[in-house]
PDB file of N, CA and C in Angstrom:
ATOM      1  N   MET A   1      14.567 -45.929  12.082  1.00  0.00           N
ATOM      2  CA  MET A   1      14.078 -46.360  13.370  1.00  0.00           C
ATOM      3  C   MET A   1      15.242 -46.331  14.361  1.00  0.00           C
ATOM      4  N   LYS A   2      15.032 -45.716  15.496  1.00  0.00           N
ATOM      5  CA  LYS A   2      16.064 -45.671  16.523  1.00  0.00           C
ATOM      6  C   LYS A   2      15.968 -46.903  17.402  1.00  0.00           C
ATOM      7  N   THR A   3      17.118 -47.465  17.723  1.00  0.00           N
ATOM      8  CA  THR A   3      17.147 -48.638  18.587  1.00  0.00           C
ATOM      9  C   THR A   3      17.729 -48.318  19.945  1.00  0.00           C
ATOM     10  N   GLY A   4      18.287 -47.123  20.103  1.00  0.00           N
ATOM     11  CA  GLY A   4      18.828 -46.712  21.381  1.00  0.00           C
ATOM     12  C   GLY A   4      20.301 -47.024  21.566  1.00  0.00           C
ATOM     13  N   GLY A   5      20.903 -47.822  20.688  1.00  0.00           N
ATOM     14  CA  GLY A   5      22.319 -48.146  20.814  1.00  0.00           C
ATOM     15  C   GLY A   5      23.183 -47.117  20.126  1.00  0.00           C
ATOM     16  N   ARG A   6      24.457 -47.098  20.492  1.00  0.00           N
ATOM     17  CA  ARG A   6      25.348 -46.159  19.811  1.00  0.00           C
ATOM     18  C   ARG A   6      25.981 -46.867  18.626  1.00  0.00           C
ATOM     19  N   GLN A   7      26.285 -46.111  17.609  1.00  0.00           N
ATOM     20  CA  GLN A   7      26.890 -46.678  16.410  1.00  0.00           C
ATOM     21  C   GLN A   7      28.396 -46.667  16.577  1.00  0.00           C
ATOM     22  N   ALA A   8      28.999 -47.854  16.425  1.00  0.00           N
ATOM     23  CA  ALA A   8      30.432 -47.957  16.659  1.00  0.00           C
ATOM     24  C   ALA A   8      31.028 -49.094  15.838  1.00  0.00           C
ATOM     25  N   TYR A   9      32.325 -48.997  15.613  1.00  0.00           N
ATOM     26  CA  TYR A   9      33.085 -50.077  14.986  1.00  0.00           C
ATOM     27  C   TYR A   9      33.569 -51.005  16.095  1.00  0.00           C
ATOM     28  N   PHE A  10      33.574 -52.293  15.850  1.00  0.00           N
ATOM     29  CA  PHE A  10      34.049 -53.247  16.851  1.00  0.00           C
ATOM     30  C   PHE A  10      35.165 -54.135  16.316  1.00  0.00           C
ATOM     31  N   ALA A  11      35.411 -54.063  15.001  1.00  0.00           N
ATOM     32  CA  ALA A  11      36.456 -54.887  14.391  1.00  0.00           C
ATOM     33  C   ALA A  11      36.723 -54.398  12.970  1.00  0.00           C
ATOM     34  N   THR A  12      37.743 -54.970  12.374  1.00  0.00           N
ATOM     35  CA  THR A  12      38.028 -54.738  10.962  1.00  0.00           C
ATOM     36  C   THR A  12      38.283 -56.097  10.316  1.00  0.00           C
ATOM     37  N   ALA A  13      38.027 -56.195   9.028  1.00  0.00           N
ATOM     38  CA  ALA A  13      38.249 -57.447   8.302  1.00  0.00           C
ATOM     39  C   ALA A  13      38.343 -57.145   6.814  1.00  0.00           C
ATOM     40  N   LEU A  14      38.828 -58.117   6.078  1.00  0.00           N
ATOM     41  CA  LEU A  14      38.930 -58.015   4.626  1.00  0.00           C
ATOM     42  C   LEU A  14      37.843 -58.885   4.004  1.00  0.00           C
ATOM     43  N   ILE A  15      37.084 -58.333   3.073  1.00  0.00           N
ATOM     44  CA  ILE A  15      36.106 -59.143   2.341  1.00  0.00           C
ATOM     45  C   ILE A  15      36.868 -59.877   1.244  1.00  0.00           C
ATOM     46  N   ALA A  16      36.915 -61.196   1.361  1.00  0.00           N
ATOM     47  CA  ALA A  16      37.671 -62.020   0.419  1.00  0.00           C
ATOM     48  C   ALA A  16      36.848 -62.387  -0.809  1.00  0.00           C
ATOM     49  N   ASP A  17      35.545 -62.536  -0.627  1.00  0.00           N
ATOM     50  CA  ASP A  17      34.686 -62.933  -1.745  1.00  0.00           C
ATOM     51  C   ASP A  17      33.239 -62.696  -1.357  1.00  0.00           C
ATOM     52  N   ILE A  18      32.382 -62.607  -2.350  1.00  0.00           N
ATOM     53  CA  ILE A  18      30.938 -62.508  -2.149  1.00  0.00           C
ATOM     54  C   ILE A  18      30.314 -63.629  -2.950  1.00  0.00           C
ATOM     55  N   ILE A  19      29.488 -64.432  -2.265  1.00  0.00           N
ATOM     56  CA  ILE A  19      28.873 -65.588  -2.931  1.00  0.00           C
ATOM     57  C   ILE A  19      27.358 -65.530  -2.780  1.00  0.00           C
ATOM     58  N   PRO A  20      26.627 -66.068  -3.751  1.00  0.00           N
ATOM     59  CA  PRO A  20      25.165 -66.057  -3.657  1.00  0.00           C
ATOM     60  C   PRO A  20      24.662 -67.017  -2.584  1.00  0.00           C
ATOM     61  N   ASP A  21      23.546 -66.670  -1.988  1.00  0.00           N
ATOM     62  CA  ASP A  21      22.854 -67.549  -1.043  1.00  0.00           C
ATOM     63  C   ASP A  21      22.058 -68.546  -1.877  1.00  0.00           C
ATOM     64  N   PRO A  22      22.334 -69.838  -1.765  1.00  0.00           N
ATOM     65  CA  PRO A  22      21.645 -70.813  -2.613  1.00  0.00           C
ATOM     66  C   PRO A  22      20.135 -70.905  -2.354  1.00  0.00           C
ATOM     67  N   SER A  23      19.682 -70.460  -1.182  1.00  0.00           N
ATOM     68  CA  SER A  23      18.254 -70.564  -0.880  1.00  0.00           C
ATOM     69  C   SER A  23      17.474 -69.281  -1.177  1.00  0.00           C
ATOM     70  N   LYS A  24      18.174 -68.160  -1.395  1.00  0.00           N
ATOM     71  CA  LYS A  24      17.510 -66.883  -1.684  1.00  0.00           C
ATOM     72  C   LYS A  24      18.258 -66.206  -2.825  1.00  0.00           C
ATOM     73  N   PRO A  25      17.705 -66.206  -4.021  1.00  0.00           N
ATOM     74  CA  PRO A  25      18.430 -65.702  -5.193  1.00  0.00           C
ATOM     75  C   PRO A  25      18.868 -64.242  -5.103  1.00  0.00           C
ATOM     76  N   ASP A  26      18.197 -63.428  -4.314  1.00  0.00           N
ATOM     77  CA  ASP A  26      18.564 -62.011  -4.217  1.00  0.00           C
ATOM     78  C   ASP A  26      19.368 -61.693  -2.957  1.00  0.00           C
ATOM     79  N   HIS A  27      19.945 -62.719  -2.319  1.00  0.00           N
ATOM     80  CA  HIS A  27      20.769 -62.541  -1.121  1.00  0.00           C
ATOM     81  C   HIS A  27      22.175 -63.081  -1.369  1.00  0.00           C
ATOM     82  N   PHE A  28      23.131 -62.561  -0.598  1.00  0.00           N
ATOM     83  CA  PHE A  28      24.524 -62.941  -0.767  1.00  0.00           C
ATOM     84  C   PHE A  28      25.221 -63.050   0.580  1.00  0.00           C
ATOM     85  N   TYR A  29      26.339 -63.755   0.600  1.00  0.00           N
ATOM     86  CA  TYR A  29      27.206 -63.854   1.768  1.00  0.00           C
ATOM     87  C   TYR A  29      28.547 -63.205   1.433  1.00  0.00           C
ATOM     88  N   ALA A  30      29.094 -62.460   2.392  1.00  0.00           N
ATOM     89  CA  ALA A  30      30.445 -61.923   2.253  1.00  0.00           C
ATOM     90  C   ALA A  30      31.370 -62.837   3.052  1.00  0.00           C
ATOM     91  N   LEU A  31      32.358 -63.400   2.387  1.00  0.00           N
ATOM     92  CA  LEU A  31      33.342 -64.233   3.061  1.00  0.00           C
ATOM     93  C   LEU A  31      34.474 -63.315   3.533  1.00  0.00           C
ATOM     94  N   ILE A  32      34.763 -63.361   4.834  1.00  0.00           N
ATOM     95  CA  ILE A  32      35.773 -62.454   5.370  1.00  0.00           C
ATOM     96  C   ILE A  32      37.016 -63.211   5.834  1.00  0.00           C
ATOM     97  N   GLU A  33      38.112 -62.475   5.848  1.00  0.00           N
ATOM     98  CA  GLU A  33      39.358 -63.018   6.391  1.00  0.00           C
ATOM     99  C   GLU A  33      40.084 -61.878   7.103  1.00  0.00           C
ATOM    100  N   ASP A  34      41.113 -62.222   7.833  1.00  0.00           N
ATOM    101  CA  ASP A  34      41.892 -61.241   8.594  1.00  0.00           C
ATOM    102  C   ASP A  34      41.027 -60.437   9.558  1.00  0.00           C
ATOM    103  N   PHE A  35      40.063 -61.106  10.198  1.00  0.00           N
ATOM    104  CA  PHE A  35      39.198 -60.451  11.185  1.00  0.00           C
ATOM    105  C   PHE A  35      40.034 -60.044  12.391  1.00  0.00           C
ATOM    106  N   LEU A  36      39.930 -58.775  12.789  1.00  0.00           N
ATOM    107  CA  LEU A  36      40.690 -58.268  13.914  1.00  0.00           C
ATOM    108  C   LEU A  36      39.761 -57.469  14.830  1.00  0.00           C
ATOM    109  N   PRO A  37      39.390 -58.035  15.984  1.00  0.00           N
ATOM    110  CA  PRO A  37      38.520 -57.291  16.905  1.00  0.00           C
ATOM    111  C   PRO A  37      39.294 -56.156  17.584  1.00  0.00           C
ATOM    112  N   PHE A  38      38.615 -55.056  17.857  1.00  0.00           N
ATOM    113  CA  PHE A  38      39.220 -53.934  18.554  1.00  0.00           C
ATOM    114  C   PHE A  38      39.161 -54.159  20.063  1.00  0.00           C
ATOM    115  N   ASP A  39      40.037 -53.499  20.813  1.00  0.00           N
ATOM    116  CA  ASP A  39      40.036 -53.591  22.275  1.00  0.00           C
ATOM    117  C   ASP A  39      38.757 -53.012  22.874  1.00  0.00           C
ATOM    118  N   HIS A  40      38.239 -51.987  22.216  1.00  0.00           N
ATOM    119  CA  HIS A  40      37.018 -51.320  22.677  1.00  0.00           C
ATOM    120  C   HIS A  40      36.271 -50.797  21.450  1.00  0.00           C
ATOM    121  N   ALA A  41      34.990 -50.520  21.633  1.00  0.00           N
ATOM    122  CA  ALA A  41      34.183 -49.986  20.531  1.00  0.00           C
ATOM    123  C   ALA A  41      34.692 -48.597  20.152  1.00  0.00           C
ATOM    124  N   VAL A  42      34.810 -48.348  18.852  1.00  0.00           N
ATOM    125  CA  VAL A  42      35.254 -47.052  18.333  1.00  0.00           C
ATOM    126  C   VAL A  42      34.036 -46.370  17.716  1.00  0.00           C
ATOM    127  N   PRO A  43      33.620 -45.223  18.255  1.00  0.00           N
ATOM    128  CA  PRO A  43      32.425 -44.557  17.725  1.00  0.00           C
ATOM    129  C   PRO A  43      32.618 -44.102  16.281  1.00  0.00           C
ATOM    130  N   PHE A  44      31.514 -44.068  15.517  1.00  0.00           N
ATOM    131  CA  PHE A  44      31.573 -43.595  14.141  1.00  0.00           C
ATOM    132  C   PHE A  44      32.060 -42.148  14.090  1.00  0.00           C
ATOM    133  N   LYS A  45      31.697 -41.385  15.101  1.00  0.00           N
ATOM    134  CA  LYS A  45      32.096 -39.980  15.116  1.00  0.00           C
ATOM    135  C   LYS A  45      32.320 -39.546  16.548  1.00  0.00           C
ATOM    136  N   GLU A  46      33.238 -38.615  16.720  1.00  0.00           N
ATOM    137  CA  GLU A  46      33.487 -37.990  18.021  1.00  0.00           C
ATOM    138  C   GLU A  46      33.420 -36.493  17.805  1.00  0.00           C
ATOM    139  N   ALA A  47      32.506 -35.857  18.528  1.00  0.00           N
ATOM    140  CA  ALA A  47      32.213 -34.432  18.351  1.00  0.00           C
ATOM    141  C   ALA A  47      31.867 -34.202  16.872  1.00  0.00           C
ATOM    142  N   ASP A  48      32.635 -33.409  16.157  1.00  0.00           N
ATOM    143  CA  ASP A  48      32.361 -33.147  14.739  1.00  0.00           C
ATOM    144  C   ASP A  48      33.277 -33.938  13.814  1.00  0.00           C
ATOM    145  N   TYR A  49      34.076 -34.855  14.365  1.00  0.00           N
ATOM    146  CA  TYR A  49      35.033 -35.619  13.563  1.00  0.00           C
ATOM    147  C   TYR A  49      34.470 -36.999  13.220  1.00  0.00           C
ATOM    148  N   TYR A  50      34.409 -37.322  11.926  1.00  0.00           N
ATOM    149  CA  TYR A  50      33.982 -38.630  11.455  1.00  0.00           C
ATOM    150  C   TYR A  50      35.234 -39.440  11.070  1.00  0.00           C
ATOM    151  N   TYR A  51      35.311 -40.672  11.519  1.00  0.00           N
ATOM    152  CA  TYR A  51      36.454 -41.514  11.174  1.00  0.00           C
ATOM    153  C   TYR A  51      36.420 -41.931   9.706  1.00  0.00           C
ATOM    154  N   GLU A  52      35.246 -41.919   9.083  1.00  0.00           N
ATOM    155  CA  GLU A  52      35.112 -42.169   7.644  1.00  0.00           C
ATOM    156  C   GLU A  52      34.504 -40.927   7.013  1.00  0.00           C
ATOM    157  N   SER A  53      35.223 -40.302   6.115  1.00  0.00           N
ATOM    158  CA  SER A  53      34.761 -39.042   5.538  1.00  0.00           C
ATOM    159  C   SER A  53      33.434 -39.185   4.794  1.00  0.00           C
ATOM    160  N   GLY A  54      33.138 -40.375   4.257  1.00  0.00           N
ATOM    161  CA  GLY A  54      31.885 -40.578   3.540  1.00  0.00           C
ATOM    162  C   GLY A  54      30.652 -40.518   4.426  1.00  0.00           C
ATOM    163  N   LEU A  55      30.839 -40.531   5.740  1.00  0.00           N
ATOM    164  CA  LEU A  55      29.707 -40.458   6.660  1.00  0.00           C
ATOM    165  C   LEU A  55      29.314 -39.022   6.974  1.00  0.00           C
ATOM    166  N   ARG A  56      30.079 -38.062   6.473  1.00  0.00           N
ATOM    167  CA  ARG A  56      29.813 -36.649   6.735  1.00  0.00           C
ATOM    168  C   ARG A  56      29.437 -35.950   5.439  1.00  0.00           C
ATOM    169  N   LYS A  57      28.303 -35.247   5.467  1.00  0.00           N
ATOM    170  CA  LYS A  57      27.897 -34.441   4.313  1.00  0.00           C
ATOM    171  C   LYS A  57      28.691 -33.143   4.292  1.00  0.00           C
ATOM    172  N   GLU A  58      28.657 -32.461   3.162  1.00  0.00           N
ATOM    173  CA  GLU A  58      29.380 -31.194   3.025  1.00  0.00           C
ATOM    174  C   GLU A  58      28.929 -30.160   4.053  1.00  0.00           C
ATOM    175  N   ASP A  59      27.635 -30.218   4.442  1.00  0.00           N
ATOM    176  CA  ASP A  59      27.133 -29.244   5.420  1.00  0.00           C
ATOM    177  C   ASP A  59      27.460 -29.637   6.860  1.00  0.00           C
ATOM    178  N   GLY A  60      28.182 -30.740   7.059  1.00  0.00           N
ATOM    179  CA  GLY A  60      28.583 -31.168   8.399  1.00  0.00           C
ATOM    180  C   GLY A  60      27.646 -32.155   9.053  1.00  0.00           C
ATOM    181  N   SER A  61      26.481 -32.388   8.457  1.00  0.00           N
ATOM    182  CA  SER A  61      25.532 -33.343   9.035  1.00  0.00           C
ATOM    183  C   SER A  61      25.917 -34.778   8.652  1.00  0.00           C
ATOM    184  N   THR A  62      25.268 -35.733   9.294  1.00  0.00           N
ATOM    185  CA  THR A  62      25.559 -37.146   9.049  1.00  0.00           C
ATOM    186  C   THR A  62      24.875 -37.630   7.783  1.00  0.00           C
ATOM    187  N   ASN A  63      25.606 -38.360   6.956  1.00  0.00           N
ATOM    188  CA  ASN A  63      25.075 -38.957   5.739  1.00  0.00           C
ATOM    189  C   ASN A  63      24.385 -40.266   6.133  1.00  0.00           C
ATOM    190  N   LYS A  64      23.099 -40.200   6.415  1.00  0.00           N
ATOM    191  CA  LYS A  64      22.360 -41.364   6.909  1.00  0.00           C
ATOM    192  C   LYS A  64      22.301 -42.488   5.878  1.00  0.00           C
ATOM    193  N   GLY A  65      22.320 -42.158   4.601  1.00  0.00           N
ATOM    194  CA  GLY A  65      22.337 -43.181   3.556  1.00  0.00           C
ATOM    195  C   GLY A  65      23.608 -44.009   3.608  1.00  0.00           C
ATOM    196  N   ALA A  66      24.735 -43.365   3.904  1.00  0.00           N
ATOM    197  CA  ALA A  66      26.007 -44.086   4.018  1.00  0.00           C
ATOM    198  C   ALA A  66      25.981 -45.040   5.206  1.00  0.00           C
ATOM    199  N   PHE A  67      25.338 -44.633   6.305  1.00  0.00           N
ATOM    200  CA  PHE A  67      25.214 -45.536   7.457  1.00  0.00           C
ATOM    201  C   PHE A  67      24.413 -46.770   7.057  1.00  0.00           C
ATOM    202  N   GLY A  68      23.368 -46.588   6.290  1.00  0.00           N
ATOM    203  CA  GLY A  68      22.518 -47.703   5.873  1.00  0.00           C
ATOM    204  C   GLY A  68      23.232 -48.686   4.961  1.00  0.00           C
ATOM    205  N   ARG A  69      24.243 -48.219   4.233  1.00  0.00           N
ATOM    206  CA  ARG A  69      24.978 -49.108   3.315  1.00  0.00           C
ATOM    207  C   ARG A  69      26.179 -49.772   3.981  1.00  0.00           C
ATOM    208  N   ALA A  70      26.476 -49.378   5.206  1.00  0.00           N
ATOM    209  CA  ALA A  70      27.651 -49.955   5.888  1.00  0.00           C
ATOM    210  C   ALA A  70      27.426 -51.424   6.197  1.00  0.00           C
ATOM    211  N   VAL A  71      28.531 -52.153   6.207  1.00  0.00           N
ATOM    212  CA  VAL A  71      28.471 -53.583   6.538  1.00  0.00           C
ATOM    213  C   VAL A  71      29.070 -53.771   7.912  1.00  0.00           C
TER     214      VAL A  71
END
């Protein structure tokens, strides 16, 4: 489903731990540390260049499954 927004990174952080949600057995929380916001949004890709190689398929198209697994 398209929402009309652009896909971009806005910060980086370290996942310190993953803990279960006590109210939903199949849900979890990621505890983060060293959160660092960026000065500006960094797009997932510029022209044909992907900042994360896993987001690009061998044929050059976008790996939509990898976008869905991103946190």
